[in-house]
Protein backbone atom coordinates (compact mmCIF):
# COMPACT_ATOMS: atom_id res chain seq x y z
CA MET A 1 0.00 0.00 0.00
CA LYS A 2 1.20 3.49 -0.83
CA ALA A 3 -0.02 6.93 0.20
CA LEU A 4 0.54 10.07 -1.84
CA LEU A 5 0.45 13.24 0.24
CA PHE A 6 -0.29 16.23 -1.97
CA LEU A 7 0.80 19.49 -0.37
CA SER A 8 2.44 22.82 -1.02
CA GLU A 9 5.99 22.86 0.28
CA LYS A 10 5.85 26.68 0.03
CA ASP A 11 2.96 26.87 2.50
CA THR A 12 4.67 26.57 5.87
CA ASN A 13 1.31 26.79 7.65
CA SER A 14 0.10 23.56 6.05
CA ARG A 15 2.29 21.44 8.34
CA THR A 16 0.25 20.60 11.44
CA SER A 17 0.51 18.21 14.35
CA SER A 18 -2.35 16.17 12.83
CA MET A 19 -0.26 15.80 9.65
CA ASP A 20 2.71 14.69 11.73
CA ASP A 21 0.51 12.15 13.55
CA LEU A 22 -0.83 10.83 10.25
CA ILE A 23 2.68 10.44 8.82
CA LYS A 24 3.75 8.60 11.97
CA ASN A 25 0.78 6.22 11.77
CA LEU A 26 1.43 5.49 8.10
CA LYS A 27 5.02 4.56 8.90
CA ILE A 28 4.02 2.42 11.89
CA ASN A 29 1.60 0.49 9.65
CA ASN A 30 4.15 0.03 6.84
CA ILE A 31 2.33 2.23 4.35
CA GLN A 32 4.85 3.83 2.03
CA LEU A 33 4.45 7.61 1.98
CA GLU A 34 5.40 9.83 -0.90
CA LYS A 35 5.08 13.59 -0.57
CA VAL A 36 4.04 15.35 -3.77
CA ASP A 37 4.83 19.07 -3.95
CA ILE A 38 2.01 20.62 -5.93
CA ASP A 39 4.11 23.73 -6.59
CA SER A 40 6.43 21.79 -8.91
CA ALA A 41 5.44 21.03 -12.50
CA ARG A 42 5.70 17.26 -11.88
CA GLY A 43 3.67 17.51 -8.67
CA ALA A 44 0.95 19.54 -10.37
CA GLU A 45 0.75 16.92 -13.15
CA ARG A 46 0.45 14.10 -10.61
CA ALA A 47 -2.28 15.96 -8.71
CA GLU A 48 -4.17 16.46 -11.97
CA SER A 49 -3.81 12.78 -12.87
CA TYR A 50 -5.63 11.86 -9.64
CA ASP A 51 -8.19 14.71 -10.00
CA VAL A 52 -6.88 16.28 -6.80
CA MET A 53 -8.17 19.85 -6.66
CA SER A 54 -7.62 20.99 -3.05
CA PHE A 55 -4.74 20.69 -0.64
CA PRO A 56 -3.59 19.04 1.47
CA SER A 57 -4.90 15.79 0.06
CA LEU A 58 -4.07 12.13 0.51
CA ALA A 59 -4.46 9.34 -2.05
CA LEU A 60 -4.30 5.74 -0.88
CA ILE A 61 -3.11 3.40 -3.64
CA ARG A 62 -2.74 -0.38 -3.79
CA GLU A 63 0.43 -2.02 -5.08
CA ASP A 64 -1.32 -2.75 -8.41
CA GLY A 65 -2.02 0.98 -8.87
CA VAL A 66 -5.72 0.91 -8.01
CA VAL A 67 -6.83 3.96 -6.02
CA VAL A 68 -8.47 2.87 -2.76
CA ASN A 69 -9.55 6.32 -1.59
CA ILE A 70 -8.71 10.01 -1.92
CA TRP A 71 -9.31 12.57 0.80
CA GLN A 72 -9.21 16.16 -0.46
CA GLY A 73 -8.90 19.47 1.33
CA GLU A 74 -8.08 18.06 4.71
CA LEU A 75 -6.25 15.00 5.89
CA PRO A 76 -8.20 12.12 7.38
CA ASP A 77 -7.74 10.63 10.80
CA TYR A 78 -5.80 7.37 10.51
CA SER A 79 -8.91 5.40 11.54
CA PHE A 80 -10.51 6.29 8.17
CA ILE A 81 -7.44 5.05 6.32
CA SER A 82 -7.44 1.89 8.37
CA GLN A 83 -11.09 1.26 7.49
CA SER A 84 -10.32 1.77 3.81
CA ILE A 85 -7.62 -0.87 3.81
CA GLY A 86 -9.30 -3.27 6.21
CA HIS A 87 -7.01 -2.95 9.22
CA ILE A 88 -10.03 -2.69 11.55
């Protein structure tokens, strides 16, 4: 399982303790995290390819590339991610 975290690296206010907690929980549960900077050309293209329109956003993707869920505009609590992948 992989998670793509879409965020603006320029926006220093976007980093919150809830984001830090989410990142920690993803690592604890062996979910690979990739940060995607939407301010870069490549990051903007990737956001568009997943129809991500607001930030921060998180896309949860299976190993075969199938999108499990996308949360846009605010990051979910880890319990929602866990439900999406069947950890509960």
